[in-house]
Amino acid sequence: MKRNQSYFYSALLITLAALTLLITGSPVLNWSVDANNQFPLGTIITWAGMIGLPATLYFGIRALRKPTPSFHKILSLLLRIAIVLGILWVPLSYVLAGNFSFSFSNKATFQGGQAAMRWFWRLSYGIPIMTLTILIFYWISLLFIKRR
């Protein structure tokens, strides 16, 4: 099996496992990683999914890894941005929430407050939406490429 295929299947497995655990609301998500009960396992699982989803596209579609048409180059750049955002999801979310459980309150300050919560949800929904939008635009571009 080629290296890219291994990466693809690994990323796909991570994405599907994270998605399954998140959709089912598994109790595993609440298990604590540290002794102080401040770092839930769900954070790591979600983080793996945030990286795994765009990585699945990257390793699964050669035209997005090594793009030739200029439109595919744009999609490839956006996909790489989604991967970087996925990697930075935990650090950025920690800066917004001030904790690793990513809980927010009605604080008057930005960190941990309602404004930070809105940015957290934009980031958290933005990465998968961006990735799926890239996939849809890639599929649409294939229709136009085949007609030429």
N, C-alpha and C. Protein backbone atom coordinates (compact mmCIF):
# COMPACT_ATOMS: atom_id res chain seq x y z
N MET A 1 0.85 -1.17 0.00
CA MET A 1 0.00 0.00 0.00
C MET A 1 0.90 1.24 0.00
N LYS A 2 0.53 2.21 -0.81
CA LYS A 2 1.31 3.43 -0.90
C LYS A 2 1.17 4.24 0.38
N ARG A 3 2.15 5.12 0.61
CA ARG A 3 2.15 5.95 1.81
C ARG A 3 0.93 6.85 1.87
N ASN A 4 0.56 7.50 0.75
CA ASN A 4 -0.60 8.39 0.75
C ASN A 4 -1.89 7.63 1.03
N GLN A 5 -1.98 6.38 0.57
CA GLN A 5 -3.15 5.57 0.87
C GLN A 5 -3.23 5.26 2.36
N SER A 6 -2.09 4.97 2.96
CA SER A 6 -2.06 4.72 4.40
C SER A 6 -2.49 5.95 5.18
N TYR A 7 -1.98 7.11 4.76
CA TYR A 7 -2.37 8.37 5.42
C TYR A 7 -3.87 8.63 5.23
N PHE A 8 -4.36 8.36 4.02
CA PHE A 8 -5.78 8.57 3.75
C PHE A 8 -6.65 7.70 4.65
N TYR A 9 -6.35 6.39 4.71
CA TYR A 9 -7.17 5.49 5.51
C TYR A 9 -7.04 5.81 7.01
N SER A 10 -5.86 6.22 7.43
CA SER A 10 -5.68 6.60 8.84
C SER A 10 -6.51 7.84 9.16
N ALA A 11 -6.44 8.85 8.30
CA ALA A 11 -7.21 10.08 8.52
C ALA A 11 -8.71 9.80 8.45
N LEU A 12 -9.12 8.94 7.53
CA LEU A 12 -10.53 8.59 7.42
C LEU A 12 -11.01 7.86 8.67
N LEU A 13 -10.22 6.93 9.17
CA LEU A 13 -10.58 6.19 10.38
C LEU A 13 -10.68 7.14 11.58
N ILE A 14 -9.72 8.03 11.72
CA ILE A 14 -9.75 9.01 12.81
C ILE A 14 -10.99 9.89 12.71
N THR A 15 -11.28 10.37 11.51
CA THR A 15 -12.45 11.23 11.30
C THR A 15 -13.74 10.50 11.64
N LEU A 16 -13.89 9.28 11.15
CA LEU A 16 -15.11 8.51 11.41
C LEU A 16 -15.25 8.16 12.89
N ALA A 17 -14.15 7.81 13.54
CA ALA A 17 -14.20 7.49 14.97
C ALA A 17 -14.59 8.72 15.78
N ALA A 18 -13.96 9.86 15.48
CA ALA A 18 -14.28 11.10 16.20
C ALA A 18 -15.73 11.49 15.95
N LEU A 19 -16.17 11.42 14.71
CA LEU A 19 -17.54 11.77 14.37
C LEU A 19 -18.55 10.87 15.10
N THR A 20 -18.27 9.58 15.12
CA THR A 20 -19.15 8.64 15.80
C THR A 20 -19.25 8.95 17.29
N LEU A 21 -18.11 9.18 17.93
CA LEU A 21 -18.11 9.48 19.36
C LEU A 21 -18.82 10.80 19.66
N LEU A 22 -18.62 11.79 18.80
CA LEU A 22 -19.27 13.09 19.02
C LEU A 22 -20.77 13.02 18.79
N ILE A 23 -21.19 12.33 17.74
CA ILE A 23 -22.62 12.24 17.44
C ILE A 23 -23.36 11.45 18.51
N THR A 24 -22.75 10.38 19.00
CA THR A 24 -23.42 9.55 20.00
C THR A 24 -23.33 10.16 21.41
N GLY A 25 -22.48 11.18 21.59
CA GLY A 25 -22.32 11.77 22.91
C GLY A 25 -21.73 10.79 23.90
N SER A 26 -20.79 10.02 23.45
CA SER A 26 -20.18 8.97 24.25
C SER A 26 -19.64 9.51 25.58
N PRO A 27 -19.77 8.73 26.65
CA PRO A 27 -19.21 9.13 27.95
C PRO A 27 -17.68 9.24 27.91
N VAL A 28 -17.07 8.62 26.93
CA VAL A 28 -15.61 8.70 26.77
C VAL A 28 -15.17 10.16 26.63
N LEU A 29 -16.00 10.97 26.03
CA LEU A 29 -15.65 12.38 25.81
C LEU A 29 -15.42 13.13 27.12
N ASN A 30 -16.03 12.69 28.19
CA ASN A 30 -15.90 13.36 29.48
C ASN A 30 -14.78 12.82 30.36
N TRP A 31 -14.13 11.76 29.93
CA TRP A 31 -13.02 11.23 30.71
C TRP A 31 -11.92 12.27 30.78
N SER A 32 -11.29 12.38 31.91
CA SER A 32 -10.25 13.38 32.10
C SER A 32 -8.88 12.81 31.74
N VAL A 33 -8.07 13.63 31.11
CA VAL A 33 -6.73 13.22 30.71
C VAL A 33 -5.73 13.55 31.81
N ASP A 34 -5.99 14.62 32.57
CA ASP A 34 -5.06 15.05 33.61
C ASP A 34 -5.62 14.77 35.00
N ALA A 35 -4.77 14.91 36.00
CA ALA A 35 -5.16 14.62 37.39
C ALA A 35 -6.13 15.66 37.95
N ASN A 36 -6.12 16.87 37.42
CA ASN A 36 -6.98 17.94 37.93
C ASN A 36 -8.37 17.97 37.31
N ASN A 37 -8.66 17.03 36.44
CA ASN A 37 -9.95 16.98 35.72
C ASN A 37 -10.23 18.26 34.95
N GLN A 38 -9.21 18.83 34.35
CA GLN A 38 -9.35 20.07 33.59
C GLN A 38 -9.23 19.86 32.09
N PHE A 39 -8.83 18.67 31.68
CA PHE A 39 -8.58 18.41 30.26
C PHE A 39 -9.34 17.15 29.83
N PRO A 40 -10.56 17.31 29.28
CA PRO A 40 -11.35 16.13 28.89
C PRO A 40 -10.82 15.46 27.63
N LEU A 41 -10.99 14.15 27.58
CA LEU A 41 -10.57 13.37 26.42
C LEU A 41 -11.32 13.83 25.15
N GLY A 42 -12.52 14.35 25.32
CA GLY A 42 -13.29 14.85 24.18
C GLY A 42 -12.59 15.96 23.42
N THR A 43 -11.78 16.73 24.11
CA THR A 43 -11.00 17.79 23.44
C THR A 43 -10.01 17.17 22.47
N ILE A 44 -9.32 16.13 22.90
CA ILE A 44 -8.33 15.47 22.04
C ILE A 44 -9.02 14.76 20.88
N ILE A 45 -10.14 14.11 21.17
CA ILE A 45 -10.88 13.39 20.13
C ILE A 45 -11.40 14.38 19.08
N THR A 46 -11.96 15.49 19.52
CA THR A 46 -12.46 16.50 18.59
C THR A 46 -11.32 17.10 17.80
N TRP A 47 -10.20 17.34 18.46
CA TRP A 47 -9.03 17.89 17.79
C TRP A 47 -8.55 16.94 16.69
N ALA A 48 -8.52 15.65 16.99
CA ALA A 48 -8.12 14.66 15.98
C ALA A 48 -9.08 14.70 14.80
N GLY A 49 -10.37 14.85 15.07
CA GLY A 49 -11.36 14.95 13.99
C GLY A 49 -11.19 16.23 13.18
N MET A 50 -10.85 17.32 13.85
CA MET A 50 -10.66 18.60 13.16
C MET A 50 -9.46 18.55 12.22
N ILE A 51 -8.47 17.76 12.57
CA ILE A 51 -7.31 17.58 11.69
C ILE A 51 -7.61 16.49 10.67
N GLY A 52 -8.29 15.44 11.10
CA GLY A 52 -8.52 14.28 10.24
C GLY A 52 -9.42 14.55 9.05
N LEU A 53 -10.45 15.38 9.23
CA LEU A 53 -11.38 15.64 8.12
C LEU A 53 -10.69 16.30 6.93
N PRO A 54 -10.00 17.44 7.10
CA PRO A 54 -9.32 18.00 5.93
C PRO A 54 -8.16 17.12 5.45
N ALA A 55 -7.51 16.40 6.37
CA ALA A 55 -6.42 15.51 5.96
C ALA A 55 -6.94 14.37 5.09
N THR A 56 -8.15 13.91 5.36
CA THR A 56 -8.76 12.86 4.53
C THR A 56 -8.90 13.33 3.10
N LEU A 57 -9.36 14.55 2.92
CA LEU A 57 -9.48 15.11 1.57
C LEU A 57 -8.11 15.27 0.93
N TYR A 58 -7.17 15.79 1.71
CA TYR A 58 -5.83 16.06 1.18
C TYR A 58 -5.16 14.78 0.68
N PHE A 59 -5.21 13.74 1.48
CA PHE A 59 -4.56 12.49 1.08
C PHE A 59 -5.43 11.63 0.18
N GLY A 60 -6.73 11.88 0.14
CA GLY A 60 -7.62 11.08 -0.67
C GLY A 60 -7.79 11.57 -2.10
N ILE A 61 -7.53 12.85 -2.34
CA ILE A 61 -7.73 13.41 -3.67
C ILE A 61 -6.39 13.95 -4.17
N ARG A 62 -5.81 13.26 -5.10
CA ARG A 62 -4.48 13.64 -5.62
C ARG A 62 -4.49 15.03 -6.23
N ALA A 63 -5.58 15.41 -6.89
CA ALA A 63 -5.67 16.72 -7.54
C ALA A 63 -5.64 17.87 -6.54
N LEU A 64 -5.92 17.60 -5.27
CA LEU A 64 -5.82 18.64 -4.25
C LEU A 64 -4.45 18.62 -3.56
N ARG A 65 -3.73 17.52 -3.70
CA ARG A 65 -2.37 17.44 -3.19
C ARG A 65 -1.38 18.03 -4.18
N LYS A 66 -1.57 17.70 -5.45
CA LYS A 66 -0.70 18.18 -6.52
C LYS A 66 -1.59 18.76 -7.62
N PRO A 67 -2.11 19.97 -7.38
CA PRO A 67 -3.09 20.54 -8.31
C PRO A 67 -2.45 21.00 -9.61
N THR A 68 -3.19 20.85 -10.71
CA THR A 68 -2.73 21.38 -11.99
C THR A 68 -3.60 22.53 -12.49
N PRO A 69 -4.92 22.40 -12.59
CA PRO A 69 -5.69 23.57 -13.00
C PRO A 69 -5.62 24.65 -11.91
N SER A 70 -5.72 25.90 -12.33
CA SER A 70 -5.59 26.99 -11.37
C SER A 70 -6.69 26.96 -10.31
N PHE A 71 -7.90 26.51 -10.67
CA PHE A 71 -8.97 26.43 -9.69
C PHE A 71 -8.64 25.40 -8.62
N HIS A 72 -8.04 24.30 -9.02
CA HIS A 72 -7.63 23.28 -8.05
C HIS A 72 -6.52 23.80 -7.15
N LYS A 73 -5.68 24.69 -7.66
CA LYS A 73 -4.64 25.30 -6.82
C LYS A 73 -5.27 26.14 -5.72
N ILE A 74 -6.33 26.85 -6.04
CA ILE A 74 -7.04 27.64 -5.03
C ILE A 74 -7.67 26.72 -3.99
N LEU A 75 -8.32 25.65 -4.46
CA LEU A 75 -8.92 24.69 -3.53
C LEU A 75 -7.87 24.03 -2.66
N SER A 76 -6.71 23.72 -3.23
CA SER A 76 -5.62 23.11 -2.49
C SER A 76 -5.11 24.06 -1.40
N LEU A 77 -4.98 25.32 -1.74
CA LEU A 77 -4.54 26.32 -0.75
C LEU A 77 -5.55 26.43 0.39
N LEU A 78 -6.83 26.48 0.05
CA LEU A 78 -7.87 26.55 1.07
C LEU A 78 -7.88 25.30 1.95
N LEU A 79 -7.63 24.14 1.34
CA LEU A 79 -7.58 22.90 2.11
C LEU A 79 -6.40 22.90 3.07
N ARG A 80 -5.28 23.42 2.62
CA ARG A 80 -4.11 23.51 3.51
C ARG A 80 -4.37 24.48 4.66
N ILE A 81 -5.11 25.54 4.38
CA ILE A 81 -5.50 26.47 5.44
C ILE A 81 -6.41 25.76 6.44
N ALA A 82 -7.33 24.93 5.94
CA ALA A 82 -8.22 24.17 6.83
C ALA A 82 -7.42 23.20 7.70
N ILE A 83 -6.39 22.59 7.14
CA ILE A 83 -5.54 21.68 7.92
C ILE A 83 -4.80 22.45 9.00
N VAL A 84 -4.26 23.61 8.66
CA VAL A 84 -3.55 24.43 9.64
C VAL A 84 -4.51 24.90 10.74
N LEU A 85 -5.71 25.32 10.36
CA LEU A 85 -6.71 25.71 11.36
C LEU A 85 -7.08 24.53 12.25
N GLY A 86 -7.15 23.33 11.67
CA GLY A 86 -7.42 22.13 12.45
C GLY A 86 -6.32 21.86 13.47
N ILE A 87 -5.08 22.04 13.05
CA ILE A 87 -3.95 21.86 13.95
C ILE A 87 -3.96 22.90 15.06
N LEU A 88 -4.33 24.12 14.71
CA LEU A 88 -4.36 25.21 15.69
C LEU A 88 -5.67 25.30 16.48
N TRP A 89 -6.60 24.37 16.26
CA TRP A 89 -7.90 24.44 16.90
C TRP A 89 -7.81 24.48 18.42
N VAL A 90 -7.04 23.59 19.02
CA VAL A 90 -6.94 23.57 20.49
C VAL A 90 -6.25 24.82 21.02
N PRO A 91 -5.09 25.22 20.49
CA PRO A 91 -4.48 26.44 21.03
C PRO A 91 -5.38 27.68 20.88
N LEU A 92 -6.01 27.83 19.73
CA LEU A 92 -6.89 28.98 19.53
C LEU A 92 -8.11 28.91 20.44
N SER A 93 -8.66 27.74 20.59
CA SER A 93 -9.83 27.57 21.45
C SER A 93 -9.47 27.81 22.91
N TYR A 94 -8.28 27.40 23.31
CA TYR A 94 -7.84 27.66 24.68
C TYR A 94 -7.70 29.15 24.93
N VAL A 95 -7.16 29.86 23.95
CA VAL A 95 -7.03 31.32 24.09
C VAL A 95 -8.42 31.95 24.22
N LEU A 96 -9.38 31.45 23.47
CA LEU A 96 -10.74 32.00 23.54
C LEU A 96 -11.44 31.65 24.85
N ALA A 97 -11.32 30.40 25.29
CA ALA A 97 -12.08 29.95 26.46
C ALA A 97 -11.34 30.15 27.78
N GLY A 98 -10.03 30.01 27.73
CA GLY A 98 -9.26 30.09 28.97
C GLY A 98 -9.23 28.77 29.72
N ASN A 99 -9.75 27.69 29.11
CA ASN A 99 -9.72 26.36 29.73
C ASN A 99 -9.80 25.33 28.61
N PHE A 100 -9.40 24.10 28.96
CA PHE A 100 -9.39 23.04 27.94
C PHE A 100 -10.72 22.31 27.79
N SER A 101 -11.67 22.61 28.64
CA SER A 101 -12.99 22.03 28.44
C SER A 101 -13.84 22.94 27.55
N PHE A 102 -13.29 24.09 27.20
CA PHE A 102 -13.92 25.06 26.30
C PHE A 102 -15.32 25.44 26.77
N SER A 103 -15.40 25.76 28.05
CA SER A 103 -16.66 26.24 28.61
C SER A 103 -16.60 27.76 28.75
N PHE A 104 -17.71 28.38 28.49
CA PHE A 104 -17.81 29.84 28.49
C PHE A 104 -18.86 30.27 29.49
N SER A 105 -18.79 31.53 29.91
CA SER A 105 -19.78 32.06 30.85
C SER A 105 -20.14 33.48 30.45
N ASN A 106 -20.82 34.18 31.30
CA ASN A 106 -21.23 35.56 31.03
C ASN A 106 -20.23 36.57 31.58
N LYS A 107 -18.95 36.29 31.43
CA LYS A 107 -17.91 37.19 31.91
C LYS A 107 -17.94 38.49 31.13
N ALA A 108 -17.48 39.55 31.76
CA ALA A 108 -17.38 40.83 31.08
C ALA A 108 -16.13 40.89 30.20
N THR A 109 -15.14 40.05 30.50
CA THR A 109 -13.93 40.03 29.70
C THR A 109 -14.15 39.21 28.43
N PHE A 110 -13.24 39.39 27.48
CA PHE A 110 -13.37 38.65 26.22
C PHE A 110 -13.13 37.16 26.44
N GLN A 111 -11.98 36.80 27.04
CA GLN A 111 -11.64 35.40 27.21
C GLN A 111 -12.65 34.73 28.15
N GLY A 112 -13.28 33.69 27.65
CA GLY A 112 -14.27 32.96 28.43
C GLY A 112 -15.65 33.57 28.38
N GLY A 113 -15.80 34.72 27.71
CA GLY A 113 -17.09 35.39 27.64
C GLY A 113 -17.88 35.01 26.40
N GLN A 114 -18.97 35.71 26.20
CA GLN A 114 -19.90 35.40 25.11
C GLN A 114 -19.32 35.73 23.73
N ALA A 115 -18.57 36.83 23.64
CA ALA A 115 -17.96 37.17 22.34
C ALA A 115 -16.93 36.12 21.94
N ALA A 116 -16.14 35.65 22.90
CA ALA A 116 -15.16 34.60 22.62
C ALA A 116 -15.85 33.30 22.24
N MET A 117 -17.01 33.05 22.87
CA MET A 117 -17.76 31.83 22.54
C MET A 117 -18.22 31.85 21.09
N ARG A 118 -18.66 33.01 20.62
CA ARG A 118 -19.09 33.10 19.22
C ARG A 118 -17.91 32.81 18.28
N TRP A 119 -16.72 33.32 18.60
CA TRP A 119 -15.55 33.04 17.77
C TRP A 119 -15.17 31.57 17.85
N PHE A 120 -15.32 30.97 19.03
CA PHE A 120 -15.04 29.54 19.19
C PHE A 120 -15.94 28.71 18.27
N TRP A 121 -17.23 29.02 18.25
CA TRP A 121 -18.16 28.25 17.42
C TRP A 121 -17.93 28.52 15.94
N ARG A 122 -17.55 29.72 15.60
CA ARG A 122 -17.21 30.00 14.19
C ARG A 122 -16.03 29.15 13.75
N LEU A 123 -15.02 29.06 14.59
CA LEU A 123 -13.84 28.24 14.28
C LEU A 123 -14.22 26.76 14.24
N SER A 124 -14.98 26.31 15.23
CA SER A 124 -15.33 24.90 15.33
C SER A 124 -16.23 24.42 14.19
N TYR A 125 -17.16 25.26 13.78
CA TYR A 125 -18.01 24.90 12.63
C TYR A 125 -17.33 25.24 11.31
N GLY A 126 -16.48 26.23 11.32
CA GLY A 126 -15.84 26.70 10.09
C GLY A 126 -14.93 25.69 9.45
N ILE A 127 -14.17 24.95 10.26
CA ILE A 127 -13.22 23.98 9.70
C ILE A 127 -13.95 22.87 8.93
N PRO A 128 -14.96 22.20 9.52
CA PRO A 128 -15.65 21.17 8.73
C PRO A 128 -16.45 21.74 7.56
N ILE A 129 -17.07 22.89 7.76
CA ILE A 129 -17.85 23.50 6.66
C ILE A 129 -16.92 23.88 5.52
N MET A 130 -15.77 24.45 5.85
CA MET A 130 -14.79 24.82 4.82
C MET A 130 -14.32 23.58 4.06
N THR A 131 -14.05 22.50 4.79
CA THR A 131 -13.59 21.27 4.16
C THR A 131 -14.65 20.67 3.24
N LEU A 132 -15.88 20.60 3.70
CA LEU A 132 -16.95 20.04 2.88
C LEU A 132 -17.27 20.93 1.68
N THR A 133 -17.15 22.24 1.85
CA THR A 133 -17.35 23.17 0.73
C THR A 133 -16.28 22.97 -0.33
N ILE A 134 -15.04 22.77 0.11
CA ILE A 134 -13.95 22.49 -0.84
C ILE A 134 -14.25 21.22 -1.62
N LEU A 135 -14.73 20.19 -0.92
CA LEU A 135 -15.08 18.93 -1.60
C LEU A 135 -16.18 19.15 -2.63
N ILE A 136 -17.19 19.89 -2.28
CA ILE A 136 -18.31 20.16 -3.21
C ILE A 136 -17.81 20.93 -4.43
N PHE A 137 -17.00 21.97 -4.21
CA PHE A 137 -16.47 22.73 -5.34
C PHE A 137 -15.54 21.88 -6.20
N TYR A 138 -14.81 20.97 -5.57
CA TYR A 138 -13.96 20.06 -6.35
C TYR A 138 -14.82 19.18 -7.24
N TRP A 139 -15.90 18.61 -6.68
CA TRP A 139 -16.80 17.77 -7.49
C TRP A 139 -17.42 18.56 -8.63
N ILE A 140 -17.84 19.79 -8.36
CA ILE A 140 -18.42 20.64 -9.42
C ILE A 140 -17.38 20.92 -10.49
N SER A 141 -16.14 21.16 -10.08
CA SER A 141 -15.09 21.44 -11.06
C SER A 141 -14.85 20.24 -11.96
N LEU A 142 -15.03 19.03 -11.44
CA LEU A 142 -14.85 17.84 -12.27
C LEU A 142 -15.88 17.77 -13.38
N LEU A 143 -17.08 18.25 -13.10
CA LEU A 143 -18.12 18.27 -14.15
C LEU A 143 -17.71 19.17 -15.31
N PHE A 144 -17.12 20.31 -14.99
CA PHE A 144 -16.72 21.25 -16.03
C PHE A 144 -15.45 20.81 -16.75
N ILE A 145 -14.55 20.14 -16.03
CA ILE A 145 -13.33 19.66 -16.67
C ILE A 145 -13.63 18.55 -17.67
N LYS A 146 -14.57 17.67 -17.35
CA LYS A 146 -14.90 16.56 -18.24
C LYS A 146 -15.64 17.02 -19.48
N ARG A 147 -16.31 18.18 -19.42
CA ARG A 147 -17.06 18.67 -20.58
C ARG A 147 -16.16 19.32 -21.61
N ARG A 148 -14.94 19.65 -21.24
CA ARG A 148 -14.04 20.32 -22.21
C ARG A 148 -13.54 19.38 -23.25
